[in-house]
Amino acid sequence: MDRPPFRADQVGSLLRPEKLKAAREKFLGPQTPTSALGPHDD
């Protein structure tokens, strides 16, 4: 079997613009930064 039986296409960028990140931070409040999760993620 050369290919899986499904297809997936990426449309757009996975990076969020700063404006969107700021609005999310304002709405949800402070969150744990991704860098702090590194040691626990492994």
PDB file of N, CA and C in Angstrom:
ATOM      1  N   MET A   1       0.859  -1.179   0.000  1.00  0.00           N
ATOM      2  CA  MET A   1       0.000   0.000   0.000  1.00  0.00           C
ATOM      3  C   MET A   1       0.901   1.238   0.000  1.00  0.00           C
ATOM      4  N   ASP A   2       0.840   2.013  -1.042  1.00  0.00           N
ATOM      5  CA  ASP A   2       1.682   3.195  -1.162  1.00  0.00           C
ATOM      6  C   ASP A   2       1.122   4.396  -0.420  1.00  0.00           C
ATOM      7  N   ARG A   3      -0.168   4.549  -0.463  1.00  0.00           N
ATOM      8  CA  ARG A   3      -0.801   5.723   0.161  1.00  0.00           C
ATOM      9  C   ARG A   3      -1.869   5.283   1.152  1.00  0.00           C
ATOM     10  N   PRO A   4      -2.086   6.092   2.188  1.00  0.00           N
ATOM     11  CA  PRO A   4      -3.173   5.764   3.115  1.00  0.00           C
ATOM     12  C   PRO A   4      -4.527   5.944   2.423  1.00  0.00           C
ATOM     13  N   PRO A   5      -5.584   5.341   2.962  1.00  0.00           N
ATOM     14  CA  PRO A   5      -6.906   5.407   2.323  1.00  0.00           C
ATOM     15  C   PRO A   5      -7.656   6.716   2.575  1.00  0.00           C
ATOM     16  N   PHE A   6      -6.950   7.759   2.955  1.00  0.00           N
ATOM     17  CA  PHE A   6      -7.589   9.052   3.196  1.00  0.00           C
ATOM     18  C   PHE A   6      -6.699  10.149   2.653  1.00  0.00           C
ATOM     19  N   ARG A   7      -7.248  11.340   2.576  1.00  0.00           N
ATOM     20  CA  ARG A   7      -6.517  12.507   2.095  1.00  0.00           C
ATOM     21  C   ARG A   7      -6.627  13.635   3.090  1.00  0.00           C
ATOM     22  N   ALA A   8      -5.586  14.410   3.217  1.00  0.00           N
ATOM     23  CA  ALA A   8      -5.617  15.581   4.092  1.00  0.00           C
ATOM     24  C   ALA A   8      -4.899  16.726   3.399  1.00  0.00           C
ATOM     25  N   ASP A   9      -5.522  17.873   3.377  1.00  0.00           N
ATOM     26  CA  ASP A   9      -4.921  19.063   2.788  1.00  0.00           C
ATOM     27  C   ASP A   9      -4.819  20.133   3.859  1.00  0.00           C
ATOM     28  N   GLN A  10      -3.688  20.801   3.896  1.00  0.00           N
ATOM     29  CA  GLN A  10      -3.525  21.937   4.803  1.00  0.00           C
ATOM     30  C   GLN A  10      -3.837  23.196   4.013  1.00  0.00           C
ATOM     31  N   VAL A  11      -4.780  23.965   4.528  1.00  0.00           N
ATOM     32  CA  VAL A  11      -5.162  25.211   3.867  1.00  0.00           C
ATOM     33  C   VAL A  11      -4.842  26.348   4.824  1.00  0.00           C
ATOM     34  N   GLY A  12      -3.969  27.224   4.408  1.00  0.00           N
ATOM     35  CA  GLY A  12      -3.626  28.370   5.242  1.00  0.00           C
ATOM     36  C   GLY A  12      -2.450  28.084   6.150  1.00  0.00           C
ATOM     37  N   SER A  13      -2.189  29.017   7.015  1.00  0.00           N
ATOM     38  CA  SER A  13      -1.043  28.940   7.907  1.00  0.00           C
ATOM     39  C   SER A  13      -1.477  28.424   9.272  1.00  0.00           C
ATOM     40  N   LEU A  14      -0.587  27.714   9.923  1.00  0.00           N
ATOM     41  CA  LEU A  14      -0.864  27.248  11.276  1.00  0.00           C
ATOM     42  C   LEU A  14      -0.421  28.265  12.322  1.00  0.00           C
ATOM     43  N   LEU A  15       0.279  29.301  11.878  1.00  0.00           N
ATOM     44  CA  LEU A  15       0.737  30.341  12.794  1.00  0.00           C
ATOM     45  C   LEU A  15      -0.364  31.374  13.001  1.00  0.00           C
ATOM     46  N   ARG A  16      -0.625  31.699  14.254  1.00  0.00           N
ATOM     47  CA  ARG A  16      -1.658  32.694  14.559  1.00  0.00           C
ATOM     48  C   ARG A  16      -1.034  34.083  14.605  1.00  0.00           C
ATOM     49  N   PRO A  17      -1.701  35.071  14.025  1.00  0.00           N
ATOM     50  CA  PRO A  17      -1.170  36.436  14.082  1.00  0.00           C
ATOM     51  C   PRO A  17      -1.212  36.981  15.514  1.00  0.00           C
ATOM     52  N   GLU A  18      -0.324  37.930  15.796  1.00  0.00           N
ATOM     53  CA  GLU A  18      -0.244  38.519  17.142  1.00  0.00           C
ATOM     54  C   GLU A  18      -1.578  39.125  17.578  1.00  0.00           C
ATOM     55  N   LYS A  19      -2.310  39.720  16.650  1.00  0.00           N
ATOM     56  CA  LYS A  19      -3.601  40.337  16.972  1.00  0.00           C
ATOM     57  C   LYS A  19      -4.570  39.290  17.531  1.00  0.00           C
ATOM     58  N   LEU A  20      -4.589  38.121  16.924  1.00  0.00           N
ATOM     59  CA  LEU A  20      -5.471  37.052  17.381  1.00  0.00           C
ATOM     60  C   LEU A  20      -5.006  36.503  18.727  1.00  0.00           C
ATOM     61  N   LYS A  21      -3.694  36.342  18.897  1.00  0.00           N
ATOM     62  CA  LYS A  21      -3.171  35.855  20.177  1.00  0.00           C
ATOM     63  C   LYS A  21      -3.483  36.829  21.306  1.00  0.00           C
ATOM     64  N   ALA A  22      -3.387  38.129  21.024  1.00  0.00           N
ATOM     65  CA  ALA A  22      -3.682  39.141  22.044  1.00  0.00           C
ATOM     66  C   ALA A  22      -5.162  39.111  22.423  1.00  0.00           C
ATOM     67  N   ALA A  23      -6.040  38.963  21.438  1.00  0.00           N
ATOM     68  CA  ALA A  23      -7.478  38.910  21.713  1.00  0.00           C
ATOM     69  C   ALA A  23      -7.819  37.665  22.531  1.00  0.00           C
ATOM     70  N   ARG A  24      -7.185  36.554  22.206  1.00  0.00           N
ATOM     71  CA  ARG A  24      -7.427  35.313  22.945  1.00  0.00           C
ATOM     72  C   ARG A  24      -6.944  35.446  24.391  1.00  0.00           C
ATOM     73  N   GLU A  25      -5.771  36.053  24.569  1.00  0.00           N
ATOM     74  CA  GLU A  25      -5.216  36.266  25.913  1.00  0.00           C
ATOM     75  C   GLU A  25      -6.138  37.162  26.734  1.00  0.00           C
ATOM     76  N   LYS A  26      -6.686  38.195  26.108  1.00  0.00           N
ATOM     77  CA  LYS A  26      -7.592  39.119  26.800  1.00  0.00           C
ATOM     78  C   LYS A  26      -8.876  38.399  27.207  1.00  0.00           C
ATOM     79  N   PHE A  27      -9.379  37.527  26.336  1.00  0.00           N
ATOM     80  CA  PHE A  27     -10.626  36.815  26.592  1.00  0.00           C
ATOM     81  C   PHE A  27     -10.445  35.721  27.648  1.00  0.00           C
ATOM     82  N   LEU A  28      -9.381  34.927  27.524  1.00  0.00           N
ATOM     83  CA  LEU A  28      -9.188  33.783  28.412  1.00  0.00           C
ATOM     84  C   LEU A  28      -8.369  34.095  29.655  1.00  0.00           C
ATOM     85  N   GLY A  29      -7.645  35.200  29.629  1.00  0.00           N
ATOM     86  CA  GLY A  29      -6.757  35.512  30.738  1.00  0.00           C
ATOM     87  C   GLY A  29      -5.414  34.832  30.539  1.00  0.00           C
ATOM     88  N   PRO A  30      -4.492  35.024  31.468  1.00  0.00           N
ATOM     89  CA  PRO A  30      -3.154  34.445  31.330  1.00  0.00           C
ATOM     90  C   PRO A  30      -3.207  32.919  31.282  1.00  0.00           C
ATOM     91  N   GLN A  31      -2.414  32.352  30.429  1.00  0.00           N
ATOM     92  CA  GLN A  31      -2.325  30.901  30.280  1.00  0.00           C
ATOM     93  C   GLN A  31      -0.881  30.466  30.517  1.00  0.00           C
ATOM     94  N   THR A  32      -0.683  29.186  30.713  1.00  0.00           N
ATOM     95  CA  THR A  32       0.667  28.647  30.853  1.00  0.00           C
ATOM     96  C   THR A  32       1.373  28.746  29.509  1.00  0.00           C
ATOM     97  N   PRO A  33       2.567  29.354  29.469  1.00  0.00           N
ATOM     98  CA  PRO A  33       3.272  29.454  28.195  1.00  0.00           C
ATOM     99  C   PRO A  33       3.718  28.078  27.702  1.00  0.00           C
ATOM    100  N   THR A  34       3.754  27.908  26.409  1.00  0.00           N
ATOM    101  CA  THR A  34       4.146  26.641  25.809  1.00  0.00           C
ATOM    102  C   THR A  34       5.550  26.238  26.246  1.00  0.00           C
ATOM    103  N   SER A  35       6.437  27.207  26.416  1.00  0.00           N
ATOM    104  CA  SER A  35       7.816  26.901  26.814  1.00  0.00           C
ATOM    105  C   SER A  35       7.870  26.222  28.185  1.00  0.00           C
ATOM    106  N   ALA A  36       6.923  26.506  29.046  1.00  0.00           N
ATOM    107  CA  ALA A  36       6.897  25.895  30.376  1.00  0.00           C
ATOM    108  C   ALA A  36       6.447  24.437  30.317  1.00  0.00           C
ATOM    109  N   LEU A  37       5.800  24.044  29.240  1.00  0.00           N
ATOM    110  CA  LEU A  37       5.309  22.674  29.107  1.00  0.00           C
ATOM    111  C   LEU A  37       6.376  21.728  28.567  1.00  0.00           C
ATOM    112  N   GLY A  38       7.433  22.260  27.991  1.00  0.00           N
ATOM    113  CA  GLY A  38       8.481  21.453  27.365  1.00  0.00           C
ATOM    114  C   GLY A  38       8.979  20.300  28.215  1.00  0.00           C
ATOM    115  N   PRO A  39       9.481  20.539  29.424  1.00  0.00           N
ATOM    116  CA  PRO A  39      10.012  19.436  30.243  1.00  0.00           C
ATOM    117  C   PRO A  39       8.951  18.388  30.595  1.00  0.00           C
ATOM    118  N   HIS A  40       7.710  18.777  30.694  1.00  0.00           N
ATOM    119  CA  HIS A  40       6.638  17.856  31.080  1.00  0.00           C
ATOM    120  C   HIS A  40       6.047  17.134  29.877  1.00  0.00           C
ATOM    121  N   ASP A  41       6.324  17.650  28.706  1.00  0.00           N
ATOM    122  CA  ASP A  41       5.741  17.109  27.487  1.00  0.00           C
ATOM    123  C   ASP A  41       6.459  15.847  27.021  1.00  0.00           C
ATOM    124  N   ASP A  42       7.697  15.658  27.446  1.00  0.00           N
ATOM    125  CA  ASP A  42       8.499  14.514  26.966  1.00  0.00           C
ATOM    126  C   ASP A  42       8.158  13.238  27.673  1.00  0.00           C
TER     127      ASP A  42
END
